[in-house]
PDB file of N, CA and C in Angstrom:
ATOM      1  N   MET A   1     -15.125  18.482  17.936  1.00  0.00           N
ATOM      2  CA  MET A   1     -14.266  18.809  16.616  1.00  0.00           C
ATOM      3  C   MET A   1     -14.618  17.657  15.714  1.00  0.00           C
ATOM      4  N   LYS A   2     -15.120  17.404  14.769  1.00  0.00           N
ATOM      5  CA  LYS A   2     -15.417  16.607  13.522  1.00  0.00           C
ATOM      6  C   LYS A   2     -14.110  16.489  13.327  1.00  0.00           C
ATOM      7  N   THR A   3     -14.322  14.696  13.242  1.00  0.00           N
ATOM      8  CA  THR A   3     -12.829  14.228  12.393  1.00  0.00           C
ATOM      9  C   THR A   3     -13.228  14.297  10.612  1.00  0.00           C
ATOM     10  N   GLN A   4     -12.072  14.446  10.152  1.00  0.00           N
ATOM     11  CA  GLN A   4     -12.379  14.470   8.681  1.00  0.00           C
ATOM     12  C   GLN A   4     -12.102  12.771   8.214  1.00  0.00           C
ATOM     13  N   LYS A   5     -12.853  12.840   6.997  1.00  0.00           N
ATOM     14  CA  LYS A   5     -12.046  11.146   6.523  1.00  0.00           C
ATOM     15  C   LYS A   5     -10.866  11.228   6.109  1.00  0.00           C
ATOM     16  N   ARG A   6     -10.200  10.182   5.827  1.00  0.00           N
ATOM     17  CA  ARG A   6      -8.823  10.299   4.998  1.00  0.00           C
ATOM     18  C   ARG A   6      -9.118  10.480   3.657  1.00  0.00           C
ATOM     19  N   ASP A   7      -7.912  11.091   2.883  1.00  0.00           N
ATOM     20  CA  ASP A   7      -8.132  10.761   1.781  1.00  0.00           C
ATOM     21  C   ASP A   7      -7.977   9.326   1.068  1.00  0.00           C
ATOM     22  N   THR A   8      -9.075   9.178   0.226  1.00  0.00           N
ATOM     23  CA  THR A   8      -9.010   7.895  -0.229  1.00  0.00           C
ATOM     24  C   THR A   8      -8.021   7.488  -1.214  1.00  0.00           C
ATOM     25  N   SER A   9      -7.780   8.428  -1.553  1.00  0.00           N
ATOM     26  CA  SER A   9      -6.436   7.695  -2.738  1.00  0.00           C
ATOM     27  C   SER A   9      -4.971   7.434  -1.660  1.00  0.00           C
ATOM     28  N   VAL A  10      -5.026   8.106  -0.753  1.00  0.00           N
ATOM     29  CA  VAL A  10      -3.682   8.020   0.074  1.00  0.00           C
ATOM     30  C   VAL A  10      -3.735   6.784   0.811  1.00  0.00           C
ATOM     31  N   ARG A  11      -5.617   6.262   1.227  1.00  0.00           N
ATOM     32  CA  ARG A  11      -5.579   4.900   1.806  1.00  0.00           C
ATOM     33  C   ARG A  11      -5.436   4.065   1.049  1.00  0.00           C
ATOM     34  N   ALA A  12      -5.806   4.063  -0.455  1.00  0.00           N
ATOM     35  CA  ALA A  12      -5.825   2.969  -1.400  1.00  0.00           C
ATOM     36  C   ALA A  12      -4.165   2.759  -1.689  1.00  0.00           C
ATOM     37  N   PHE A  13      -3.515   3.716  -1.606  1.00  0.00           N
ATOM     38  CA  PHE A  13      -2.035   3.637  -1.957  1.00  0.00           C
ATOM     39  C   PHE A  13      -1.467   2.952  -0.824  1.00  0.00           C
ATOM     40  N   LYS A  14      -1.686   3.117   0.173  1.00  0.00           N
ATOM     41  CA  LYS A  14      -1.079   2.726   1.704  1.00  0.00           C
ATOM     42  C   LYS A  14      -1.856   0.753   1.496  1.00  0.00           C
ATOM     43  N   LYS A  15      -2.664   0.843   1.577  1.00  0.00           N
ATOM     44  CA  LYS A  15      -3.469  -0.723   1.587  1.00  0.00           C
ATOM     45  C   LYS A  15      -2.699  -1.681   0.586  1.00  0.00           C
ATOM     46  N   GLY A  16      -2.774  -0.708  -0.593  1.00  0.00           N
ATOM     47  CA  GLY A  16      -1.750  -1.533  -1.538  1.00  0.00           C
ATOM     48  C   GLY A  16      -0.439  -2.082  -1.392  1.00  0.00           C
ATOM     49  N   TYR A  17       0.141  -0.906  -0.677  1.00  0.00           N
ATOM     50  CA  TYR A  17       1.382  -1.005  -0.152  1.00  0.00           C
ATOM     51  C   TYR A  17       1.844  -2.013   0.692  1.00  0.00           C
ATOM     52  N   GLN A  18       0.695  -2.216   1.391  1.00  0.00           N
ATOM     53  CA  GLN A  18       0.906  -3.108   2.605  1.00  0.00           C
ATOM     54  C   GLN A  18       0.448  -4.479   1.866  1.00  0.00           C
ATOM     55  N   ALA A  19      -0.415  -4.687   0.842  1.00  0.00           N
ATOM     56  CA  ALA A  19      -0.330  -6.282   0.484  1.00  0.00           C
ATOM     57  C   ALA A  19       0.666  -6.257  -0.477  1.00  0.00           C
ATOM     58  N   GLY A  20       1.605  -5.628  -1.139  1.00  0.00           N
ATOM     59  CA  GLY A  20       2.944  -6.035  -2.200  1.00  0.00           C
ATOM     60  C   GLY A  20       3.590  -6.124  -1.195  1.00  0.00           C
ATOM     61  N   ILE A  21       4.004  -5.616   0.076  1.00  0.00           N
ATOM     62  CA  ILE A  21       5.137  -6.049   1.145  1.00  0.00           C
ATOM     63  C   ILE A  21       4.743  -7.379   1.749  1.00  0.00           C
ATOM     64  N   HIS A  22       3.865  -7.750   1.926  1.00  0.00           N
ATOM     65  CA  HIS A  22       3.417  -8.965   2.362  1.00  0.00           C
ATOM     66  C   HIS A  22       3.122 -10.259   1.206  1.00  0.00           C
ATOM     67  N   GLY A  23       3.357  -9.529  -0.097  1.00  0.00           N
ATOM     68  CA  GLY A  23       3.895 -10.827  -1.163  1.00  0.00           C
ATOM     69  C   GLY A  23       2.528 -10.996  -1.364  1.00  0.00           C
ATOM     70  N   LYS A  24       1.193 -10.471  -1.277  1.00  0.00           N
ATOM     71  CA  LYS A  24      -0.085 -10.678  -2.300  1.00  0.00           C
ATOM     72  C   LYS A  24       0.049 -10.698  -3.505  1.00  0.00           C
ATOM     73  N   THR A  25      -0.781 -11.013  -4.456  1.00  0.00           N
ATOM     74  CA  THR A  25      -1.035 -10.888  -6.053  1.00  0.00           C
ATOM     75  C   THR A  25      -1.687  -9.270  -6.213  1.00  0.00           C
ATOM     76  N   LYS A  26      -1.571  -8.886  -7.391  1.00  0.00           N
ATOM     77  CA  LYS A  26      -2.238  -7.803  -7.557  1.00  0.00           C
ATOM     78  C   LYS A  26      -3.711  -8.072  -7.672  1.00  0.00           C
ATOM     79  N   ASP A  27      -4.254  -9.344  -7.699  1.00  0.00           N
ATOM     80  CA  ASP A  27      -5.486  -9.829  -7.942  1.00  0.00           C
ATOM     81  C   ASP A  27      -6.104  -9.734  -6.826  1.00  0.00           C
ATOM     82  N   ALA A  28      -5.414  -9.372  -5.787  1.00  0.00           N
ATOM     83  CA  ALA A  28      -6.241  -9.036  -4.163  1.00  0.00           C
ATOM     84  C   ALA A  28      -6.831  -7.852  -4.200  1.00  0.00           C
ATOM     85  N   CYS A  29      -6.721  -6.841  -5.128  1.00  0.00           N
ATOM     86  CA  CYS A  29      -6.944  -5.750  -5.044  1.00  0.00           C
ATOM     87  C   CYS A  29      -8.640  -5.444  -4.450  1.00  0.00           C
ATOM     88  N   PRO A  30      -9.114  -4.760  -4.109  1.00  0.00           N
ATOM     89  CA  PRO A  30     -10.437  -5.039  -3.530  1.00  0.00           C
ATOM     90  C   PRO A  30     -11.127  -3.954  -4.375  1.00  0.00           C
ATOM     91  N   LEU A  31     -10.639  -3.082  -4.926  1.00  0.00           N
ATOM     92  CA  LEU A  31     -11.057  -1.796  -5.646  1.00  0.00           C
ATOM     93  C   LEU A  31     -11.682  -2.082  -7.354  1.00  0.00           C
ATOM     94  N   HIS A  32     -12.930  -1.782  -7.358  1.00  0.00           N
ATOM     95  CA  HIS A  32     -12.904  -1.735  -8.935  1.00  0.00           C
ATOM     96  C   HIS A  32     -12.873  -0.860 -10.061  1.00  0.00           C
ATOM     97  N   GLN A  33     -13.176   0.627  -9.152  1.00  0.00           N
ATOM     98  CA  GLN A  33     -12.886   1.943  -9.746  1.00  0.00           C
ATOM     99  C   GLN A  33     -11.995   2.621  -9.839  1.00  0.00           C
ATOM    100  N   GLU A  34     -11.618   3.283 -11.195  1.00  0.00           N
ATOM    101  CA  GLU A  34     -10.130   3.418 -11.851  1.00  0.00           C
ATOM    102  C   GLU A  34      -9.464   4.428 -10.759  1.00  0.00           C
ATOM    103  N   PRO A  35     -10.317   5.370 -10.388  1.00  0.00           N
ATOM    104  CA  PRO A  35      -9.329   6.156  -9.292  1.00  0.00           C
ATOM    105  C   PRO A  35      -8.171   5.380  -8.239  1.00  0.00           C
ATOM    106  N   GLY A  36      -9.276   4.762  -7.162  1.00  0.00           N
ATOM    107  CA  GLY A  36      -8.912   4.227  -6.359  1.00  0.00           C
ATOM    108  C   GLY A  36      -7.761   2.540  -6.675  1.00  0.00           C
ATOM    109  N   ARG A  37      -8.613   2.212  -7.424  1.00  0.00           N
ATOM    110  CA  ARG A  37      -8.002   1.085  -8.296  1.00  0.00           C
ATOM    111  C   ARG A  37      -6.456   1.252  -8.508  1.00  0.00           C
ATOM    112  N   GLN A  38      -6.057   2.544  -9.235  1.00  0.00           N
ATOM    113  CA  GLN A  38      -5.307   2.811  -9.976  1.00  0.00           C
ATOM    114  C   GLN A  38      -3.931   3.090  -8.670  1.00  0.00           C
ATOM    115  N   GLN A  39      -4.479   3.797  -7.838  1.00  0.00           N
ATOM    116  CA  GLN A  39      -3.567   4.066  -6.785  1.00  0.00           C
ATOM    117  C   GLN A  39      -3.180   2.799  -5.889  1.00  0.00           C
ATOM    118  N   TRP A  40      -3.884   2.259  -5.307  1.00  0.00           N
ATOM    119  CA  TRP A  40      -3.832   0.649  -4.968  1.00  0.00           C
ATOM    120  C   TRP A  40      -2.818  -0.305  -5.540  1.00  0.00           C
ATOM    121  N   LEU A  41      -3.056  -0.072  -6.961  1.00  0.00           N
ATOM    122  CA  LEU A  41      -1.715  -0.851  -7.918  1.00  0.00           C
ATOM    123  C   LEU A  41      -0.808  -0.223  -8.039  1.00  0.00           C
ATOM    124  N   SER A  42      -0.546   1.467  -7.753  1.00  0.00           N
ATOM    125  CA  SER A  42       0.790   1.969  -7.532  1.00  0.00           C
ATOM    126  C   SER A  42       1.701   1.451  -6.276  1.00  0.00           C
ATOM    127  N   GLY A  43       0.490   1.676  -5.313  1.00  0.00           N
ATOM    128  CA  GLY A  43       1.347   0.848  -3.786  1.00  0.00           C
ATOM    129  C   GLY A  43       1.566  -0.287  -3.935  1.00  0.00           C
ATOM    130  N   TRP A  44       0.954  -1.057  -4.689  1.00  0.00           N
ATOM    131  CA  TRP A  44       1.374  -2.540  -4.582  1.00  0.00           C
ATOM    132  C   TRP A  44       2.401  -2.749  -5.572  1.00  0.00           C
ATOM    133  N   ARG A  45       2.732  -2.228  -6.401  1.00  0.00           N
ATOM    134  CA  ARG A  45       3.944  -2.014  -7.141  1.00  0.00           C
ATOM    135  C   ARG A  45       5.538  -1.740  -5.970  1.00  0.00           C
ATOM    136  N   GLU A  46       4.893  -0.555  -5.300  1.00  0.00           N
ATOM    137  CA  GLU A  46       6.063  -0.131  -4.656  1.00  0.00           C
ATOM    138  C   GLU A  46       6.195  -1.025  -3.534  1.00  0.00           C
ATOM    139  N   GLY A  47       5.421  -2.076  -2.676  1.00  0.00           N
ATOM    140  CA  GLY A  47       5.360  -2.782  -1.972  1.00  0.00           C
ATOM    141  C   GLY A  47       6.266  -3.994  -2.195  1.00  0.00           C
ATOM    142  N   ARG A  48       5.903  -4.542  -3.845  1.00  0.00           N
ATOM    143  CA  ARG A  48       6.367  -5.551  -3.989  1.00  0.00           C
ATOM    144  C   ARG A  48       7.847  -5.335  -4.472  1.00  0.00           C
ATOM    145  N   GLN A  49       8.028  -3.709  -5.114  1.00  0.00           N
ATOM    146  CA  GLN A  49       9.624  -3.786  -5.263  1.00  0.00           C
ATOM    147  C   GLN A  49      10.500  -3.792  -3.848  1.00  0.00           C
ATOM    148  N   ASP A  50       9.678  -3.176  -2.831  1.00  0.00           N
ATOM    149  CA  ASP A  50      10.530  -3.392  -1.763  1.00  0.00           C
ATOM    150  C   ASP A  50      10.688  -4.661  -0.968  1.00  0.00           C
ATOM    151  N   ASN A  51       9.725  -5.547  -1.267  1.00  0.00           N
ATOM    152  CA  ASN A  51       9.707  -6.811  -0.783  1.00  0.00           C
ATOM    153  C   ASN A  51      10.876  -7.846  -1.612  1.00  0.00           C
ATOM    154  N   TRP A  52      11.081  -7.165  -2.824  1.00  0.00           N
ATOM    155  CA  TRP A  52      12.058  -7.939  -3.599  1.00  0.00           C
ATOM    156  C   TRP A  52      13.389  -7.521  -3.208  1.00  0.00           C
ATOM    157  N   ASP A  53      13.324  -6.120  -3.170  1.00  0.00           N
ATOM    158  CA  ASP A  53      14.705  -5.821  -2.353  1.00  0.00           C
ATOM    159  C   ASP A  53      15.265  -6.184  -1.056  1.00  0.00           C
ATOM    160  N   GLY A  54      14.513  -6.892  -0.543  1.00  0.00           N
ATOM    161  CA  GLY A  54      14.486  -7.308   0.843  1.00  0.00           C
ATOM    162  C   GLY A  54      14.379  -6.463   1.993  1.00  0.00           C
ATOM    163  N   LEU A  55      13.387  -5.478   1.870  1.00  0.00           N
ATOM    164  CA  LEU A  55      12.864  -4.263   2.902  1.00  0.00           C
ATOM    165  C   LEU A  55      11.896  -4.938   3.421  1.00  0.00           C
ATOM    166  N   THR A  56      11.990  -6.156   4.333  1.00  0.00           N
ATOM    167  CA  THR A  56      11.132  -6.779   4.856  1.00  0.00           C
ATOM    168  C   THR A  56      11.622  -7.247   6.271  1.00  0.00           C
ATOM    169  N   GLY A  57      10.713  -6.919   7.231  1.00  0.00           N
ATOM    170  CA  GLY A  57      10.907  -7.206   8.554  1.00  0.00           C
ATOM    171  C   GLY A  57      11.802  -6.051   9.211  1.00  0.00           C
ATOM    172  N   VAL A  58      12.873  -6.255   9.794  1.00  0.00           N
ATOM    173  CA  VAL A  58      13.661  -4.943  10.395  1.00  0.00           C
ATOM    174  C   VAL A  58      14.066  -4.073   9.513  1.00  0.00           C
ATOM    175  N   SER A  59      14.583  -4.638   8.330  1.00  0.00           N
ATOM    176  CA  SER A  59      15.223  -3.970   7.572  1.00  0.00           C
ATOM    177  C   SER A  59      14.574  -2.680   7.114  1.00  0.00           C
ATOM    178  N   GLY A  60      13.113  -3.240   6.714  1.00  0.00           N
ATOM    179  CA  GLY A  60      12.306  -2.177   6.124  1.00  0.00           C
ATOM    180  C   GLY A  60      11.186  -1.372   7.106  1.00  0.00           C
ATOM    181  N   VAL A  61      11.690  -1.466   8.213  1.00  0.00           N
ATOM    182  CA  VAL A  61      10.607  -0.910   9.455  1.00  0.00           C
ATOM    183  C   VAL A  61      10.578   0.661   9.318  1.00  0.00           C
ATOM    184  N   SER A  62      11.616   1.391   8.925  1.00  0.00           N
ATOM    185  CA  SER A  62      11.485   2.658   8.581  1.00  0.00           C
ATOM    186  C   SER A  62      11.003   3.182   7.785  1.00  0.00           C
ATOM    187  N   LYS A  63      10.714   2.588   6.417  1.00  0.00           N
ATOM    188  CA  LYS A  63       9.956   2.617   5.071  1.00  0.00           C
ATOM    189  C   LYS A  63       8.577   2.398   5.232  1.00  0.00           C
ATOM    190  N   SER A  64       8.116   1.083   5.935  1.00  0.00           N
ATOM    191  CA  SER A  64       7.023   0.667   6.080  1.00  0.00           C
ATOM    192  C   SER A  64       5.995   1.285   7.110  1.00  0.00           C
ATOM    193  N   ILE A  65       6.897   1.800   8.202  1.00  0.00           N
ATOM    194  CA  ILE A  65       6.113   2.899   9.034  1.00  0.00           C
ATOM    195  C   ILE A  65       5.099   3.943   8.502  1.00  0.00           C
ATOM    196  N   LYS A  66       5.589   4.510   7.551  1.00  0.00           N
ATOM    197  CA  LYS A  66       5.045   5.548   6.685  1.00  0.00           C
ATOM    198  C   LYS A  66       3.869   5.214   6.269  1.00  0.00           C
ATOM    199  N   TYR A  67       3.776   3.959   5.794  1.00  0.00           N
ATOM    200  CA  TYR A  67       2.436   3.395   5.171  1.00  0.00           C
ATOM    201  C   TYR A  67       1.680   2.852   6.107  1.00  0.00           C
ATOM    202  N   LEU A  68       2.000   2.787   7.349  1.00  0.00           N
ATOM    203  CA  LEU A  68       0.987   1.907   8.016  1.00  0.00           C
ATOM    204  C   LEU A  68      -0.011   2.878   8.524  1.00  0.00           C
ATOM    205  N   HIS A  69       0.356   4.449   8.426  1.00  0.00           N
ATOM    206  CA  HIS A  69      -0.584   5.229   9.536  1.00  0.00           C
ATOM    207  C   HIS A  69      -1.614   5.850   8.335  1.00  0.00           C
TER     208      HIS A  69
END
């Protein structure tokens, strides 16, 4: 059975979320083309918000597990 590639927009969002939750700046965005860049930045914003809300470490495990896979 052939494996399908993951949706690139979902993957960009997840990578952005991980960068945001770990406190990286939005300048760390590796994408330069608009569809993926916008998804990455959306994930980054959500990750930064969760970081500011204190959802890091054990308290944020349930939410961040969703974005790890």
